[in-house]
Amino acid sequence: MNMNSFIDSLRQKRQSFRITVTCDNLEQLMLECFLLHPELLSALDTLSYRYAVSGNRYTIDFSVGYHVDNSKMTFVVRDEFELIIAASMILKSHKDKVKIIIDNRKHFSNRQTIVQHIRDLQSISGVEFELGQRSMSSSLIRSFFGEKILVCELSYQYFDDAFLVNQLSCIVAEHCIKTAHIRGEENIVNYLLKWFRENVRYKDNDLQSDHSAVGLIKNGTAVCQAIAVYAYLFLNRKGIHTRYVCGEGDGSGGWGAHAWNLSLIQGSWTHIDYTFELSSFRHNAIKSLSEFEIDHRWKKTPYNTANSNKAKNTVSTLRSSIVTVLPNQNLFSINGVIVYIPSLDNAAPAINGKMYISVFDIFPFFDICFNISDNRVTFYVGVKKHSFPITVIQKRRNTLFFPIELLSHMGLKVSIDSHSRITISL
């Protein structure tokens, strides 16, 4: 007998049940079953079992506890590389509740340190926009089969919702396109200083919006956090590898928490603080390291050359991500990492004989944002924009879908194999 009874019992959330199965390695069979069905593991609280064996035939009695799974996205990883990808993708997904299921049979992680490990990977992921616009509110770790499977449940509080972040990304992209005539890394960096001086005032009203890059655009006022985030978004989209730095600055009130940027300028990682330069008379935002260190201090290791290059390489990997989707399923993979979205019935449905793909759930992983106005939908890919009639978009259960056949018009590569698997890459 196969594992269908096991799967069905878990889907029905039965607390006790018995199955009979023929296999050579019972634990291995159950591990593989769970990793192929992350939706089952996501709802699992406890699992215990006892069995009787005759040859390779097992009769197993299960006792199972469940919890309500409120996660918006679940990642399944098998090694350190995939954990780095998942940690980075969490930042891109902008979901407030996520899970990482770790196939830990190689023991590359452990329960006691896994949350800090994920934080460390995120801090050098290069995908740092959300690091400056959210905070972790809680974490919970469950382990199964002697820590051969770890389930990390992470909750976050965001400054702004995904819709507003998408709008912000479009504004930044349009800003980049309108300044296409400005070339050269130093010229771009110094242009942004001039733009901040003309469009942003430093103001702390003790409101969350002061710290938000969305608030910066809406109100024209911000503190260092929002300024550094906007610079991060703008400079990266302009092709200048830029990081978001957390540290301390010696401002008018003495030393205090501060944020700024670290950009790769002419092959050298250079600290840039647009906030401190807002009221200065300098025309060049770039200082020597010795001058910068006079009124800035930070933990050196996360932002040293080796880790900054690692962040840059991670970004390059993410930009060349390969997404594989199976039609009519809510599972897909990114660079081998399996992604499960409970609220999404189908990541790639067939509608009126055409294949479509979920916009909000897939496009952010390619740094694609979109705007709908005047009966058209405009997608921004890097510093290029592509406009289509709004009629190309299909909406099902509050999810927007875009026809796969039009992805090539935005520079994406699409292929479909003999098993109907859809592969998408930039």
Protein backbone atom coordinates (compact mmCIF):
# COMPACT_ATOMS: atom_id res chain seq x y z
CA MET A 1 0.00 0.00 0.00
CA ASN A 2 1.32 3.50 -0.81
CA MET A 3 1.24 6.61 1.37
CA ASN A 4 -2.09 7.93 0.08
CA SER A 5 -3.89 6.97 3.30
CA PHE A 6 -1.25 8.80 5.31
CA ILE A 7 -1.60 11.94 3.17
CA ASP A 8 -5.42 11.82 3.23
CA SER A 9 -5.50 11.39 7.02
CA LEU A 10 -3.26 14.42 7.51
CA ARG A 11 -5.35 16.50 5.11
CA GLN A 12 -8.44 15.55 7.06
CA LYS A 13 -6.56 16.51 10.25
CA ARG A 14 -7.25 13.21 11.92
CA GLN A 15 -5.62 13.08 15.32
CA SER A 16 -5.14 9.31 15.40
CA PHE A 17 -5.10 6.79 12.58
CA ARG A 18 -3.42 3.60 11.40
CA ILE A 19 -1.85 2.78 8.05
CA THR A 20 -0.06 -0.23 6.63
CA VAL A 21 2.82 0.31 4.23
CA THR A 22 5.48 -1.80 2.58
CA CYS A 23 8.93 -0.22 2.39
CA ASP A 24 12.58 -0.71 3.28
CA ASN A 25 12.99 2.46 5.33
CA LEU A 26 9.91 3.85 7.06
CA GLU A 27 11.42 7.11 8.29
CA GLN A 28 12.92 7.88 4.90
CA LEU A 29 9.53 7.30 3.27
CA MET A 30 7.75 9.67 5.65
CA LEU A 31 10.45 12.32 5.30
CA GLU A 32 10.16 12.30 1.53
CA CYS A 33 6.38 12.41 1.76
CA PHE A 34 6.43 15.51 3.97
CA LEU A 35 9.00 17.32 1.85
CA LEU A 36 6.92 16.69 -1.27
CA HIS A 37 3.79 17.97 0.50
CA PRO A 38 4.82 21.07 2.47
CA GLU A 39 1.17 21.98 2.98
CA LEU A 40 0.88 18.96 5.30
CA LEU A 41 3.95 19.81 7.33
CA SER A 42 2.96 23.47 7.62
CA ALA A 43 -0.13 22.55 9.65
CA LEU A 44 1.63 19.97 11.84
CA ASP A 45 2.23 20.72 15.51
CA THR A 46 3.30 17.35 16.89
CA LEU A 47 3.76 13.89 15.40
CA SER A 48 4.36 10.62 17.21
CA TYR A 49 3.94 7.05 16.08
CA ARG A 50 4.58 3.43 16.98
CA TYR A 51 4.69 0.50 14.63
CA ALA A 52 4.85 -3.25 14.28
CA VAL A 53 7.00 -4.68 11.51
CA SER A 54 6.93 -7.97 9.67
CA GLY A 55 9.67 -8.19 7.05
CA ASN A 56 9.35 -4.90 5.18
CA ARG A 57 5.68 -4.46 6.02
CA TYR A 58 4.89 -1.79 8.64
CA THR A 59 1.65 -1.29 10.54
CA ILE A 60 1.83 2.20 12.03
CA ASP A 61 -0.35 3.98 14.60
CA PHE A 62 -0.08 7.77 14.47
CA SER A 63 -0.93 10.43 17.02
CA VAL A 64 -0.95 13.92 15.49
CA GLY A 65 -1.46 17.45 16.78
CA TYR A 66 -2.31 20.32 14.43
CA HIS A 67 -2.30 24.11 14.52
CA VAL A 68 -3.95 26.74 12.35
CA ASP A 69 -1.48 27.59 9.59
CA ASN A 70 -1.58 31.35 9.05
CA SER A 71 1.60 31.51 6.99
CA LYS A 72 1.35 33.32 3.64
CA MET A 73 4.31 31.59 2.02
CA THR A 74 6.37 28.48 2.78
CA PHE A 75 9.87 27.69 1.46
CA VAL A 76 11.39 24.19 1.39
CA VAL A 77 15.20 24.06 1.42
CA ARG A 78 17.74 21.24 1.34
CA ASP A 79 21.14 22.89 1.91
CA GLU A 80 22.93 26.10 2.82
CA PHE A 81 22.70 27.58 -0.68
CA GLU A 82 18.94 27.08 -0.78
CA LEU A 83 18.63 28.54 2.72
CA ILE A 84 20.41 31.69 1.50
CA ILE A 85 17.98 31.87 -1.44
CA ALA A 86 14.96 31.40 0.87
CA ALA A 87 16.23 33.98 3.38
CA SER A 88 16.63 36.46 0.52
CA MET A 89 13.28 35.60 -1.05
CA ILE A 90 11.51 36.21 2.27
CA LEU A 91 12.65 39.82 1.98
CA LYS A 92 11.31 40.04 -1.56
CA SER A 93 7.99 38.33 -0.79
CA HIS A 94 6.86 41.01 1.70
CA LYS A 95 4.69 38.47 3.54
CA ASP A 96 4.03 39.06 7.22
CA LYS A 97 3.96 35.36 8.11
CA VAL A 98 6.31 32.90 6.43
CA LYS A 99 7.76 29.46 7.04
CA ILE A 100 10.97 27.77 6.06
CA ILE A 101 10.91 23.97 6.04
CA ILE A 102 14.47 22.67 6.25
CA ASP A 103 15.45 19.21 5.07
CA ASN A 104 18.12 18.87 7.74
CA ARG A 105 19.24 15.30 7.13
CA LYS A 106 22.75 16.64 6.45
CA HIS A 107 22.61 18.56 9.77
CA PHE A 108 23.70 21.90 8.31
CA SER A 109 21.39 23.73 10.77
CA ASN A 110 20.25 23.26 14.32
CA ARG A 111 17.15 24.27 16.23
CA GLN A 112 18.90 26.52 18.74
CA THR A 113 20.59 28.82 16.24
CA ILE A 114 18.48 28.64 13.09
CA VAL A 115 16.57 31.93 13.59
CA GLN A 116 19.80 33.88 14.14
CA HIS A 117 21.31 32.04 11.18
CA ILE A 118 18.45 33.22 8.94
CA ARG A 119 18.89 36.78 10.23
CA ASP A 120 22.62 36.64 9.51
CA LEU A 121 21.98 35.40 5.98
CA GLN A 122 19.44 38.15 5.40
CA SER A 123 21.87 40.80 6.65
CA ILE A 124 24.37 39.86 3.92
CA SER A 125 21.82 38.86 1.29
CA GLY A 126 22.06 42.10 -0.65
CA VAL A 127 18.24 42.21 -0.61
CA GLU A 128 18.13 44.74 2.19
CA PHE A 129 15.20 47.03 1.39
CA GLU A 130 12.87 45.24 3.77
CA LEU A 131 15.53 45.02 6.49
CA GLY A 132 15.09 48.75 6.91
CA GLN A 133 11.30 48.68 6.70
CA ARG A 134 10.20 45.90 9.04
CA SER A 135 10.96 44.11 12.28
CA MET A 136 10.63 40.50 13.39
CA SER A 137 7.78 40.15 15.85
CA SER A 138 7.99 36.46 16.70
CA SER A 139 9.51 33.15 15.73
CA LEU A 140 8.66 29.54 16.49
CA ILE A 141 10.67 26.44 15.65
CA ARG A 142 9.26 22.93 15.38
CA SER A 143 11.37 19.86 14.74
CA PHE A 144 10.47 16.38 13.55
CA PHE A 145 12.34 13.08 13.22
CA GLY A 146 15.13 14.08 15.58
CA GLU A 147 15.68 17.50 13.91
CA LYS A 148 15.95 15.93 10.47
CA ILE A 149 13.18 18.36 9.57
CA LEU A 150 13.04 21.87 11.03
CA VAL A 151 10.04 24.13 10.52
CA CYS A 152 10.77 27.82 11.16
CA GLU A 153 7.68 29.98 11.56
CA LEU A 154 8.54 33.68 11.30
CA SER A 155 6.27 36.69 11.77
CA TYR A 156 7.12 40.25 10.74
CA GLN A 157 5.64 43.71 11.08
CA TYR A 158 5.98 45.88 7.98
CA PHE A 159 5.93 49.64 7.68
CA ASP A 160 3.85 49.43 4.49
CA ASP A 161 1.82 46.77 2.73
CA ALA A 162 2.85 45.02 -0.47
CA PHE A 163 0.60 47.23 -2.62
CA LEU A 164 2.29 50.43 -1.39
CA VAL A 165 5.75 48.90 -1.79
CA ASN A 166 4.87 47.96 -5.37
CA GLN A 167 3.79 51.56 -6.00
CA LEU A 168 7.02 52.86 -4.48
CA SER A 169 9.06 50.55 -6.70
CA CYS A 170 7.26 51.93 -9.77
CA ILE A 171 7.98 55.51 -8.67
CA VAL A 172 11.66 54.69 -8.19
CA ALA A 173 11.79 52.92 -11.57
CA GLU A 174 10.22 55.93 -13.29
CA HIS A 175 12.71 58.19 -11.50
CA CYS A 176 15.55 56.06 -12.88
CA ILE A 177 14.16 56.12 -16.40
CA LYS A 178 13.77 59.92 -16.37
CA THR A 179 17.41 60.30 -15.32
CA ALA A 180 18.80 57.91 -17.93
CA HIS A 181 20.93 60.77 -19.31
CA ILE A 182 22.93 60.88 -16.07
CA ARG A 183 25.78 58.40 -16.40
CA GLY A 184 28.82 57.43 -14.43
CA GLU A 185 28.69 56.10 -10.89
CA GLU A 186 29.90 59.26 -9.14
CA ASN A 187 27.59 61.46 -11.23
CA ILE A 188 24.59 59.29 -10.32
CA VAL A 189 25.51 59.27 -6.62
CA ASN A 190 25.92 63.05 -6.56
CA TYR A 191 22.75 63.63 -8.60
CA LEU A 192 20.79 61.79 -5.92
CA LEU A 193 22.23 64.09 -3.24
CA LYS A 194 20.97 67.08 -5.21
CA TRP A 195 17.56 65.40 -5.62
CA PHE A 196 17.25 64.73 -1.89
CA ARG A 197 18.10 68.36 -1.09
CA GLU A 198 15.42 69.59 -3.50
CA ASN A 199 12.68 67.12 -2.59
CA VAL A 200 13.15 65.89 0.99
CA ARG A 201 13.34 67.59 4.38
CA TYR A 202 14.68 65.82 7.43
CA LYS A 203 11.83 65.74 9.92
CA ASP A 204 11.07 63.40 12.79
CA ASN A 205 7.42 63.58 13.87
CA ASP A 206 7.82 60.38 15.87
CA LEU A 207 5.63 58.64 13.28
CA GLN A 208 6.27 55.39 11.44
CA SER A 209 5.83 57.21 8.13
CA ASP A 210 9.00 59.21 8.91
CA HIS A 211 10.96 55.97 8.68
CA SER A 212 9.22 54.69 5.56
CA ALA A 213 10.38 55.28 1.99
CA VAL A 214 6.69 55.31 1.05
CA GLY A 215 6.21 58.13 3.60
CA LEU A 216 9.17 59.97 2.07
CA ILE A 217 7.41 60.07 -1.30
CA LYS A 218 4.01 60.94 0.16
CA ASN A 219 5.12 63.65 2.57
CA GLY A 220 8.49 64.87 1.31
CA THR A 221 9.85 64.41 4.83
CA ALA A 222 11.86 61.56 6.31
CA VAL A 223 14.55 60.45 8.72
CA CYS A 224 17.73 58.56 7.89
CA GLN A 225 16.03 55.18 7.62
CA ALA A 226 13.69 56.20 4.79
CA ILE A 227 16.39 58.20 3.01
CA ALA A 228 18.80 55.25 3.04
CA VAL A 229 16.06 52.91 1.79
CA TYR A 230 15.15 55.18 -1.12
CA ALA A 231 18.83 55.52 -2.04
CA TYR A 232 19.18 51.74 -1.84
CA LEU A 233 16.29 51.25 -4.27
CA PHE A 234 17.34 54.01 -6.68
CA LEU A 235 21.06 53.23 -6.88
CA ASN A 236 20.57 49.48 -7.28
CA ARG A 237 18.08 50.01 -10.09
CA LYS A 238 20.58 52.37 -11.73
CA GLY A 239 23.11 49.54 -11.70
CA ILE A 240 25.20 50.62 -8.69
CA HIS A 241 25.41 47.77 -6.18
CA THR A 242 24.27 49.34 -2.92
CA ARG A 243 23.68 48.07 0.60
CA TYR A 244 21.67 49.40 3.55
CA VAL A 245 23.86 49.94 6.62
CA CYS A 246 22.71 49.98 10.24
CA GLY A 247 25.03 51.70 12.69
CA GLU A 248 25.41 54.87 14.73
CA GLY A 249 25.96 58.47 13.75
CA ASP A 250 27.19 61.48 15.70
CA GLY A 251 24.59 64.07 14.80
CA SER A 252 23.46 67.26 16.51
CA GLY A 253 22.16 65.29 19.49
CA GLY A 254 25.25 63.13 19.91
CA TRP A 255 25.68 59.48 18.99
CA GLY A 256 22.51 57.58 18.13
CA ALA A 257 21.06 54.86 15.89
CA HIS A 258 21.57 55.74 12.25
CA ALA A 259 21.30 54.30 8.74
CA TRP A 260 23.14 55.04 5.51
CA ASN A 261 24.39 53.28 2.37
CA LEU A 262 27.40 51.33 1.17
CA SER A 263 27.88 51.45 -2.60
CA LEU A 264 30.32 49.86 -5.01
CA ILE A 265 31.93 52.90 -6.65
CA GLN A 266 34.66 52.26 -9.23
CA GLY A 267 35.35 48.85 -7.75
CA SER A 268 35.55 49.99 -4.12
CA TRP A 269 32.85 49.69 -1.43
CA THR A 270 32.20 53.25 -0.29
CA HIS A 271 30.04 54.56 2.60
CA ILE A 272 27.55 57.29 1.61
CA ASP A 273 25.32 59.18 4.04
CA TYR A 274 22.72 61.30 2.27
CA THR A 275 21.05 62.28 5.55
CA PHE A 276 24.11 63.97 7.01
CA GLU A 277 24.75 65.71 3.68
CA LEU A 278 21.24 67.19 3.35
CA SER A 279 22.22 70.44 5.05
CA SER A 280 25.89 70.52 4.09
CA PHE A 281 27.40 72.62 1.31
CA ARG A 282 29.29 69.74 -0.27
CA HIS A 283 28.58 68.86 -3.89
CA ASN A 284 30.18 65.42 -3.58
CA ALA A 285 28.41 62.79 -1.46
CA ILE A 286 31.53 60.61 -1.38
CA LYS A 287 34.01 60.94 1.48
CA SER A 288 37.19 59.10 2.31
CA LEU A 289 36.81 56.30 4.85
CA SER A 290 38.87 58.14 7.45
CA GLU A 291 36.65 61.23 7.12
CA PHE A 292 33.48 59.13 7.23
CA GLU A 293 34.58 57.33 10.39
CA ILE A 294 34.77 60.62 12.31
CA ASP A 295 30.99 60.70 12.83
CA HIS A 296 29.94 57.14 11.94
CA ARG A 297 30.51 53.79 13.60
CA TRP A 298 29.23 50.34 12.71
CA LYS A 299 29.94 46.64 13.09
CA LYS A 300 32.65 46.08 10.55
CA THR A 301 32.27 42.36 9.78
CA PRO A 302 28.80 42.39 8.13
CA TYR A 303 29.87 45.25 5.87
CA ASN A 304 33.46 44.28 5.08
CA THR A 305 34.57 43.69 1.51
CA ALA A 306 34.15 39.91 1.66
CA ASN A 307 30.57 40.04 2.95
CA SER A 308 29.66 42.94 0.67
CA ASN A 309 30.94 40.97 -2.31
CA LYS A 310 28.94 37.98 -1.07
CA ALA A 311 25.85 40.19 -0.96
CA LYS A 312 26.58 41.41 -4.48
CA ASN A 313 26.94 37.82 -5.72
CA THR A 314 23.68 36.83 -4.04
CA VAL A 315 21.91 39.67 -5.83
CA SER A 316 23.41 38.53 -9.13
CA THR A 317 22.17 34.99 -8.46
CA LEU A 318 18.68 36.26 -7.66
CA ARG A 319 18.60 38.39 -10.79
CA SER A 320 19.30 35.29 -12.85
CA SER A 321 16.73 33.24 -10.93
CA ILE A 322 14.98 30.38 -12.64
CA VAL A 323 11.33 29.90 -11.69
CA THR A 324 9.73 26.58 -12.52
CA VAL A 325 5.95 26.27 -12.37
CA LEU A 326 3.67 23.29 -12.82
CA PRO A 327 0.30 24.21 -14.34
CA ASN A 328 -2.71 24.12 -12.01
CA GLN A 329 -0.68 23.88 -8.78
CA ASN A 330 0.11 26.31 -5.99
CA LEU A 331 3.66 24.96 -5.75
CA PHE A 332 6.56 26.33 -7.77
CA SER A 333 10.33 26.51 -7.37
CA ILE A 334 12.95 29.28 -7.45
CA ASN A 335 16.51 28.09 -8.06
CA GLY A 336 15.49 24.71 -6.68
CA VAL A 337 13.77 26.10 -3.58
CA ILE A 338 10.17 24.85 -3.44
CA VAL A 339 7.64 27.59 -2.67
CA TYR A 340 4.13 26.91 -1.38
CA ILE A 341 1.49 29.67 -1.17
CA PRO A 342 -1.60 28.51 0.77
CA SER A 343 -3.88 31.28 -0.50
CA LEU A 344 -2.98 30.69 -4.14
CA ASP A 345 -5.07 27.96 -5.73
CA ASN A 346 -3.03 27.98 -8.89
CA ALA A 347 0.22 29.77 -9.74
CA ALA A 348 -0.15 29.11 -13.47
CA PRO A 349 -3.78 28.50 -14.50
CA ALA A 350 -5.14 27.93 -17.96
CA ILE A 351 -7.73 30.62 -18.76
CA ASN A 352 -9.65 30.53 -22.02
CA GLY A 353 -7.09 28.18 -23.50
CA LYS A 354 -4.08 30.35 -22.54
CA MET A 355 -1.51 29.85 -19.78
CA TYR A 356 -1.24 32.62 -17.20
CA ILE A 357 1.04 33.36 -14.24
CA SER A 358 0.34 35.05 -10.92
CA VAL A 359 1.61 38.64 -10.99
CA PHE A 360 1.96 39.48 -7.29
CA ASP A 361 3.33 36.06 -6.33
CA ILE A 362 5.93 35.55 -9.08
CA PHE A 363 7.01 38.92 -10.47
CA PRO A 364 8.56 40.36 -7.27
CA PHE A 365 11.20 37.62 -7.41
CA PHE A 366 12.38 39.16 -10.70
CA ASP A 367 12.22 42.72 -9.24
CA ILE A 368 9.32 43.46 -11.57
CA CYS A 369 6.76 46.00 -10.33
CA PHE A 370 3.63 47.18 -12.11
CA ASN A 371 1.20 50.05 -12.29
CA ILE A 372 -2.36 50.16 -13.62
CA SER A 373 -3.76 53.44 -15.00
CA ASP A 374 -5.70 54.71 -18.01
CA ASN A 375 -6.84 51.18 -18.87
CA ARG A 376 -3.26 50.01 -19.28
CA VAL A 377 -0.89 47.98 -17.16
CA THR A 378 2.78 48.98 -17.13
CA PHE A 379 5.53 46.69 -15.91
CA TYR A 380 8.96 47.96 -14.89
CA VAL A 381 11.88 45.59 -15.45
CA GLY A 382 15.05 47.30 -14.30
CA VAL A 383 15.08 50.67 -16.11
CA LYS A 384 12.76 49.54 -18.87
CA LYS A 385 8.98 49.70 -18.93
CA HIS A 386 6.50 47.69 -20.94
CA SER A 387 2.88 48.71 -21.36
CA PHE A 388 -0.10 46.51 -22.28
CA PRO A 389 -3.87 46.99 -22.51
CA ILE A 390 -5.49 46.21 -19.16
CA THR A 391 -7.51 43.53 -20.94
CA VAL A 392 -4.47 41.22 -20.95
CA ILE A 393 -4.82 40.90 -17.16
CA GLN A 394 -7.17 38.28 -15.76
CA LYS A 395 -8.44 38.42 -12.17
CA ARG A 396 -9.46 35.38 -10.15
CA ARG A 397 -10.16 35.40 -6.41
CA ASN A 398 -8.41 38.75 -5.99
CA THR A 399 -5.31 37.41 -7.77
CA LEU A 400 -4.04 39.06 -10.95
CA PHE A 401 -2.71 36.84 -13.74
CA PHE A 402 -0.64 37.74 -16.79
CA PRO A 403 -0.42 35.66 -20.01
CA ILE A 404 2.78 33.65 -20.19
CA GLU A 405 2.98 34.16 -23.95
CA LEU A 406 3.60 37.89 -23.37
CA LEU A 407 6.49 37.46 -20.91
CA SER A 408 8.99 37.47 -23.77
CA HIS A 409 7.87 41.04 -24.58
CA MET A 410 9.36 42.05 -21.21
CA GLY A 411 12.66 40.31 -21.86
CA LEU A 412 11.89 37.14 -19.91
CA LYS A 413 12.74 33.72 -21.28
CA VAL A 414 10.06 31.07 -21.19
CA SER A 415 10.20 27.38 -22.03
CA ILE A 416 7.76 24.51 -21.56
CA ASP A 417 9.04 20.93 -21.41
CA SER A 418 7.35 17.64 -22.28
CA HIS A 419 5.91 17.43 -18.73
CA SER A 420 4.25 20.86 -19.13
CA ARG A 421 6.68 22.40 -16.63
CA ILE A 422 7.05 26.11 -17.30
CA THR A 423 10.51 27.61 -16.77
CA ILE A 424 10.90 31.40 -16.57
CA SER A 425 14.11 33.41 -16.30
CA LEU A 426 15.44 36.88 -17.09
